[in-house]
Each structure stands twice: as structure tokens, then as C-alpha cells.
C-alpha atoms as a PDB file:
ATOM      1  CA  MET A   1      52.640 -17.117  70.188  1.00  0.00           C
ATOM      2  CA  LYS A   2      56.007 -16.202  68.678  1.00  0.00           C
ATOM      3  CA  LEU A   3      59.165 -17.581  70.262  1.00  0.00           C
ATOM      4  CA  VAL A   4      62.521 -15.829  70.081  1.00  0.00           C
ATOM      5  CA  VAL A   5      65.522 -17.811  71.285  1.00  0.00           C
ATOM      6  CA  GLY A   6      68.860 -16.186  72.023  1.00  0.00           C
ATOM      7  CA  LEU A   7      71.684 -18.734  71.931  1.00  0.00           C
ATOM      8  CA  GLY A   8      74.665 -18.538  74.223  1.00  0.00           C
ATOM      9  CA  ASN A   9      76.448 -20.219  77.097  1.00  0.00           C
ATOM     10  CA  PRO A  10      75.502 -19.551  80.725  1.00  0.00           C
ATOM     11  CA  GLY A  11      78.144 -18.322  83.151  1.00  0.00           C
ATOM     12  CA  ASN A  12      80.226 -15.203  83.704  1.00  0.00           C
ATOM     13  CA  GLN A  13      83.227 -16.594  81.810  1.00  0.00           C
ATOM     14  CA  TYR A  14      81.188 -16.542  78.572  1.00  0.00           C
ATOM     15  CA  GLU A  15      79.741 -13.034  78.890  1.00  0.00           C
ATOM     16  CA  ASN A  16      80.577 -10.786  75.935  1.00  0.00           C
ATOM     17  CA  THR A  17      82.092 -13.596  73.890  1.00  0.00           C
ATOM     18  CA  ARG A  18      81.349 -14.103  70.216  1.00  0.00           C
ATOM     19  CA  HIS A  19      79.421 -17.299  70.969  1.00  0.00           C
ATOM     20  CA  ASN A  20      77.053 -15.334  73.240  1.00  0.00           C
ATOM     21  CA  VAL A  21      75.884 -12.912  70.550  1.00  0.00           C
ATOM     22  CA  GLY A  22      72.447 -14.540  70.728  1.00  0.00           C
ATOM     23  CA  PHE A  23      72.215 -13.650  74.427  1.00  0.00           C
ATOM     24  CA  LEU A  24      73.420 -10.104  73.738  1.00  0.00           C
ATOM     25  CA  GLY A  25      70.875  -9.679  70.941  1.00  0.00           C
ATOM     26  CA  ILE A  26      67.920 -11.040  72.889  1.00  0.00           C
ATOM     27  CA  ASP A  27      68.836  -8.863  75.889  1.00  0.00           C
ATOM     28  CA  MET A  28      68.720  -5.832  73.608  1.00  0.00           C
ATOM     29  CA  LEU A  29      65.429  -7.028  72.091  1.00  0.00           C
ATOM     30  CA  ALA A  30      63.961  -7.508  75.566  1.00  0.00           C
ATOM     31  CA  GLN A  31      64.867  -3.922  76.471  1.00  0.00           C
ATOM     32  CA  ALA A  32      63.176  -2.690  73.290  1.00  0.00           C
ATOM     33  CA  VAL A  33      59.900  -4.618  73.576  1.00  0.00           C
ATOM     34  CA  ALA A  34      59.407  -5.386  77.266  1.00  0.00           C
ATOM     35  CA  ASN A  35      59.987  -3.541  80.490  1.00  0.00           C
ATOM     36  CA  GLU A  36      60.400  -6.760  82.432  1.00  0.00           C
ATOM     37  CA  GLU A  37      63.137  -8.755  84.146  1.00  0.00           C
ATOM     38  CA  TRP A  38      64.219 -12.200  83.013  1.00  0.00           C
ATOM     39  CA  LEU A  39      62.531 -14.959  85.015  1.00  0.00           C
ATOM     40  CA  GLU A  40      64.029 -18.385  85.573  1.00  0.00           C
ATOM     41  CA  ASP A  41      62.361 -21.659  84.598  1.00  0.00           C
ATOM     42  CA  LYS A  42      64.620 -24.321  86.104  1.00  0.00           C
ATOM     43  CA  LYS A  43      62.357 -27.163  84.964  1.00  0.00           C
ATOM     44  CA  ASN A  44      62.882 -26.185  81.309  1.00  0.00           C
ATOM     45  CA  ASP A  45      66.454 -24.850  81.684  1.00  0.00           C
ATOM     46  CA  THR A  46      65.633 -21.339  80.481  1.00  0.00           C
ATOM     47  CA  LYS A  47      65.423 -17.719  81.429  1.00  0.00           C
ATOM     48  CA  TYR A  48      62.360 -16.115  79.887  1.00  0.00           C
ATOM     49  CA  ILE A  49      60.192 -13.051  79.408  1.00  0.00           C
ATOM     50  CA  LYS A  50      56.592 -13.782  78.428  1.00  0.00           C
ATOM     51  CA  LEU A  51      54.372 -11.169  76.815  1.00  0.00           C
ATOM     52  CA  GLU A  52      50.885 -11.661  75.421  1.00  0.00           C
ATOM     53  CA  THR A  53      51.980 -12.876  71.967  1.00  0.00           C
ATOM     54  CA  LEU A  54      55.753 -13.101  72.373  1.00  0.00           C
ATOM     55  CA  LEU A  55      58.012 -15.352  74.407  1.00  0.00           C
ATOM     56  CA  LEU A  56      61.740 -14.595  74.700  1.00  0.00           C
ATOM     57  CA  ILE A  57      64.053 -17.288  76.043  1.00  0.00           C
ATOM     58  CA  LYS A  58      67.716 -17.809  76.819  1.00  0.00           C
ATOM     59  CA  PRO A  59      68.446 -21.535  77.216  1.00  0.00           C
ATOM     60  CA  GLN A  60      70.577 -22.154  80.287  1.00  0.00           C
ATOM     61  CA  THR A  61      71.962 -25.375  78.883  1.00  0.00           C
ATOM     62  CA  PHE A  62      75.254 -25.032  77.094  1.00  0.00           C
ATOM     63  CA  MET A  63      75.169 -24.001  73.439  1.00  0.00           C
ATOM     64  CA  ASN A  64      75.642 -27.459  71.963  1.00  0.00           C
ATOM     65  CA  VAL A  65      72.565 -28.868  73.749  1.00  0.00           C
ATOM     66  CA  SER A  66      70.264 -25.840  73.363  1.00  0.00           C
ATOM     67  CA  GLY A  67      67.729 -27.985  71.535  1.00  0.00           C
ATOM     68  CA  LYS A  68      66.636 -29.640  74.783  1.00  0.00           C
ATOM     69  CA  ALA A  69      65.430 -26.386  76.345  1.00  0.00           C
ATOM     70  CA  VAL A  70      63.993 -25.067  73.067  1.00  0.00           C
ATOM     71  CA  SER A  71      62.016 -28.249  72.356  1.00  0.00           C
ATOM     72  CA  ASN A  72      60.615 -28.231  75.913  1.00  0.00           C
ATOM     73  CA  ILE A  73      59.293 -24.682  75.406  1.00  0.00           C
ATOM     74  CA  VAL A  74      58.020 -25.334  71.862  1.00  0.00           C
ATOM     75  CA  ASN A  75      56.089 -28.380  73.091  1.00  0.00           C
ATOM     76  CA  LEU A  76      54.802 -26.644  76.229  1.00  0.00           C
ATOM     77  CA  TYR A  77      53.390 -23.664  74.307  1.00  0.00           C
ATOM     78  CA  LYS A  78      52.623 -25.586  71.075  1.00  0.00           C
ATOM     79  CA  ILE A  79      54.580 -23.096  68.979  1.00  0.00           C
ATOM     80  CA  LYS A  80      54.521 -23.556  65.224  1.00  0.00           C
ATOM     81  CA  PRO A  81      57.874 -23.698  63.382  1.00  0.00           C
ATOM     82  CA  ALA A  82      57.025 -20.539  61.393  1.00  0.00           C
ATOM     83  CA  ASN A  83      56.856 -18.666  64.721  1.00  0.00           C
ATOM     84  CA  ILE A  84      60.296 -19.688  65.990  1.00  0.00           C
ATOM     85  CA  TRP A  85      63.185 -17.217  65.652  1.00  0.00           C
ATOM     86  CA  VAL A  86      66.715 -18.174  66.756  1.00  0.00           C
ATOM     87  CA  LEU A  87      69.393 -15.489  67.255  1.00  0.00           C
ATOM     88  CA  HIS A  88      72.931 -16.851  67.038  1.00  0.00           C
ATOM     89  CA  ASP A  89      76.535 -16.084  66.180  1.00  0.00           C
ATOM     90  CA  ASP A  90      77.700 -16.974  62.698  1.00  0.00           C
ATOM     91  CA  LEU A  91      81.303 -17.454  61.565  1.00  0.00           C
ATOM     92  CA  ASP A  92      80.157 -17.594  57.932  1.00  0.00           C
ATOM     93  CA  LEU A  93      79.352 -13.856  58.143  1.00  0.00           C
ATOM     94  CA  LEU A  94      81.743 -11.016  58.827  1.00  0.00           C
ATOM     95  CA  LEU A  95      81.356  -8.962  61.989  1.00  0.00           C
ATOM     96  CA  GLY A  96      78.945  -6.110  61.264  1.00  0.00           C
ATOM     97  CA  TYR A  97      76.643  -8.144  59.004  1.00  0.00           C
ATOM     98  CA  TYR A  98      73.553 -10.229  59.607  1.00  0.00           C
ATOM     99  CA  LYS A  99      71.008 -12.292  57.710  1.00  0.00           C
ATOM    100  CA  ILE A 100      67.498 -13.338  58.626  1.00  0.00           C
ATOM    101  CA  GLN A 101      66.609 -16.532  56.798  1.00  0.00           C
ATOM    102  CA  LYS A 102      64.102 -19.306  57.167  1.00  0.00           C
ATOM    103  CA  ALA A 103      65.414 -22.884  57.197  1.00  0.00           C
ATOM    104  CA  ARG A 104      68.918 -21.747  56.168  1.00  0.00           C
ATOM    105  CA  GLY A 105      71.900 -21.231  58.368  1.00  0.00           C
ATOM    106  CA  PRO A 106      75.619 -21.489  58.763  1.00  0.00           C
ATOM    107  CA  GLN A 107      77.558 -24.443  57.503  1.00  0.00           C
ATOM    108  CA  LEU A 108      78.204 -25.597  61.063  1.00  0.00           C
ATOM    109  CA  HIS A 109      76.678 -24.360  64.318  1.00  0.00           C
ATOM    110  CA  TYR A 110      76.147 -26.940  67.042  1.00  0.00           C
ATOM    111  CA  GLY A 111      73.493 -24.902  68.876  1.00  0.00           C
ATOM    112  CA  VAL A 112      71.350 -24.619  65.748  1.00  0.00           C
ATOM    113  CA  LYS A 113      72.032 -28.280  64.921  1.00  0.00           C
ATOM    114  CA  SER A 114      70.857 -29.280  68.402  1.00  0.00           C
ATOM    115  CA  ILE A 115      67.587 -27.370  67.902  1.00  0.00           C
ATOM    116  CA  GLU A 116      67.033 -28.968  64.497  1.00  0.00           C
ATOM    117  CA  GLU A 117      67.642 -32.436  65.941  1.00  0.00           C
ATOM    118  CA  LYS A 118      65.399 -32.008  68.999  1.00  0.00           C
ATOM    119  CA  LEU A 119      62.545 -30.386  67.062  1.00  0.00           C
ATOM    120  CA  GLY A 120      62.945 -32.722  64.095  1.00  0.00           C
ATOM    121  CA  ILE A 121      62.579 -29.755  61.729  1.00  0.00           C
ATOM    122  CA  LYS A 122      64.702 -27.127  60.014  1.00  0.00           C
ATOM    123  CA  ASP A 123      61.816 -24.864  59.029  1.00  0.00           C
ATOM    124  CA  PHE A 124      62.330 -22.030  61.544  1.00  0.00           C
ATOM    125  CA  TRP A 125      63.823 -18.539  61.311  1.00  0.00           C
ATOM    126  CA  ARG A 126      67.530 -17.985  61.922  1.00  0.00           C
ATOM    127  CA  VAL A 127      68.852 -14.558  62.786  1.00  0.00           C
ATOM    128  CA  ARG A 128      72.472 -15.041  61.793  1.00  0.00           C
ATOM    129  CA  ILE A 129      74.739 -12.415  63.358  1.00  0.00           C
ATOM    130  CA  GLY A 130      78.226 -12.251  61.881  1.00  0.00           C
ATOM    131  CA  VAL A 131      81.144 -12.493  64.292  1.00  0.00           C
ATOM    132  CA  ASP A 132      84.109 -13.290  62.026  1.00  0.00           C
ATOM    133  CA  ASN A 133      86.823 -10.662  62.237  1.00  0.00           C
ATOM    134  CA  ARG A 134      89.850 -12.952  62.009  1.00  0.00           C
ATOM    135  CA  GLU A 135      92.930 -12.139  59.998  1.00  0.00           C
ATOM    136  CA  LYS A 136      93.299 -14.205  56.833  1.00  0.00           C
ATOM    137  CA  GLU A 137      96.751 -15.383  57.877  1.00  0.00           C
ATOM    138  CA  ASN A 138      97.235 -17.259  61.156  1.00  0.00           C
ATOM    139  CA  ARG A 139      93.488 -17.760  61.616  1.00  0.00           C
ATOM    140  CA  THR A 140      92.374 -18.961  65.001  1.00  0.00           C
ATOM    141  CA  SER A 141      90.189 -22.089  64.918  1.00  0.00           C
ATOM    142  CA  GLY A 142      86.451 -21.442  65.015  1.00  0.00           C
ATOM    143  CA  GLU A 143      85.972 -23.310  68.306  1.00  0.00           C
ATOM    144  CA  GLU A 144      88.616 -21.189  70.019  1.00  0.00           C
ATOM    145  CA  TYR A 145      87.651 -17.931  68.310  1.00  0.00           C
ATOM    146  CA  VAL A 146      83.961 -17.915  69.275  1.00  0.00           C
ATOM    147  CA  LEU A 147      84.881 -18.165  72.960  1.00  0.00           C
ATOM    148  CA  GLN A 148      86.990 -14.988  72.795  1.00  0.00           C
ATOM    149  CA  LYS A 149      85.648 -11.635  73.965  1.00  0.00           C
ATOM    150  CA  PHE A 150      85.121  -8.723  71.599  1.00  0.00           C
ATOM    151  CA  ASN A 151      87.637  -5.874  71.703  1.00  0.00           C
ATOM    152  CA  ASP A 152      86.396  -2.267  72.034  1.00  0.00           C
ATOM    153  CA  GLU A 153      86.333  -1.597  68.286  1.00  0.00           C
ATOM    154  CA  GLU A 154      84.461  -4.830  67.642  1.00  0.00           C
ATOM    155  CA  ARG A 155      81.930  -3.998  70.397  1.00  0.00           C
ATOM    156  CA  VAL A 156      81.066  -0.765  68.562  1.00  0.00           C
ATOM    157  CA  MET A 157      80.476  -2.709  65.327  1.00  0.00           C
ATOM    158  CA  LEU A 158      78.470  -5.370  67.152  1.00  0.00           C
ATOM    159  CA  THR A 159      76.276  -2.844  68.950  1.00  0.00           C
ATOM    160  CA  LYS A 160      75.464  -1.154  65.644  1.00  0.00           C
ATOM    161  CA  VAL A 161      74.428  -4.397  63.943  1.00  0.00           C
ATOM    162  CA  LEU A 162      72.461  -5.596  66.972  1.00  0.00           C
ATOM    163  CA  LYS A 163      70.483  -2.338  66.952  1.00  0.00           C
ATOM    164  CA  GLU A 164      69.618  -2.967  63.288  1.00  0.00           C
ATOM    165  CA  VAL A 165      68.574  -6.540  64.072  1.00  0.00           C
ATOM    166  CA  VAL A 166      66.441  -5.452  67.036  1.00  0.00           C
ATOM    167  CA  ASN A 167      64.705  -2.740  64.997  1.00  0.00           C
ATOM    168  CA  LYS A 168      63.868  -5.196  62.231  1.00  0.00           C
ATOM    169  CA  LEU A 169      62.735  -7.941  64.625  1.00  0.00           C
ATOM    170  CA  SER A 170      60.628  -5.526  66.683  1.00  0.00           C
ATOM    171  CA  MET A 171      58.673  -4.566  63.578  1.00  0.00           C
ATOM    172  CA  VAL A 172      58.171  -8.175  62.464  1.00  0.00           C
ATOM    173  CA  LEU A 173      57.490  -9.760  65.840  1.00  0.00           C
ATOM    174  CA  LEU A 174      55.114  -7.165  67.218  1.00  0.00           C
ATOM    175  CA  LYS A 175      52.830  -7.134  64.170  1.00  0.00           C
ATOM    176  CA  SER A 176      49.513  -8.738  65.031  1.00  0.00           C
ATOM    177  CA  SER A 177      49.470 -12.396  64.122  1.00  0.00           C
END
């Protein structure tokens, strides 16, 4: 079983913010690979779509404690670290760019850090989706910036990069294990 985790914050106030890029990406991935609705697992604090060899989840904890929900699911389904993929926003990358790397990530991301701490490992895939589009002068702090919504121009750039990510992930994740 392969697990794909989209990181974000639950609640309407966080929809379409930079910090919820993981949710936006996994929603797009779900549309591409499954014709199913998100189900709720209150016991494990997640929304999920389960296919034969693929499990998509959106932790319903807040970003900084995502590891709790992820570790519950990893332990429940006995998922190996090499089969865990985490989609998340990344301020170390410019908007419009992404990187898929194993055991490497941004300098600081509390959602990813929470997963590492709860699983006790760093050896999982990170789908790092760039969100930084700040001006060099008068830069907004990272904590404040990631909670801002994308403007129309940025949404176009984000949609383009998310389509690229989804195409690449669909090929990798749907290959027979």
C-alpha cells in the first residue's frame, strides 16, 4: 500500500492559502486517480480515499501536529517508509516550482517535522511545492505569508505546477508495486 498525505489546515478560513497547497494537490490527485468522495475517519483525524494499492489522506489536525494522524494511519496499515509521500508547501522554493525528494525537505516546516518526530524516521518522500512569491524588500514573515490566499495570477501558476505534480505522481504511484 502506498500512502499519499496532503498537508494543510482544516477549516474554511484556510482554504486556498499557501499553507494548504498539500490539500489542493491531493484533491487534484484524487480527481485524477479516483472517482470517489473523501470519507471521514474521526478516530484517526483524517479524511481519506482508499483504493486497492493507494491510500490518500488529508489530516484534520492542524498542520503543526499532522504527525499524529499520519503515524496512526502508517501503523494501522503497516506502511513502509519508502511508500509514504507527503505533499506540502515550501517557502524554500519559488511559486511555480516543485521538487520530489526522499528524506530531504525544506529548512523548516512544522508539519513535516511533526511527521518525522511521530514516525521516528525521515526516510519518506516529500513533494515540495514552492509557494514563495514575496518581494525581496519588505518581505512578510513566513508564518504570516503561508496563511495568505493566492491572488488570481498566482492561482494560475499554482494550478500549472500542481498539474505537473499530479501527472508525475500518477505515473509513479499507479505503477504496480
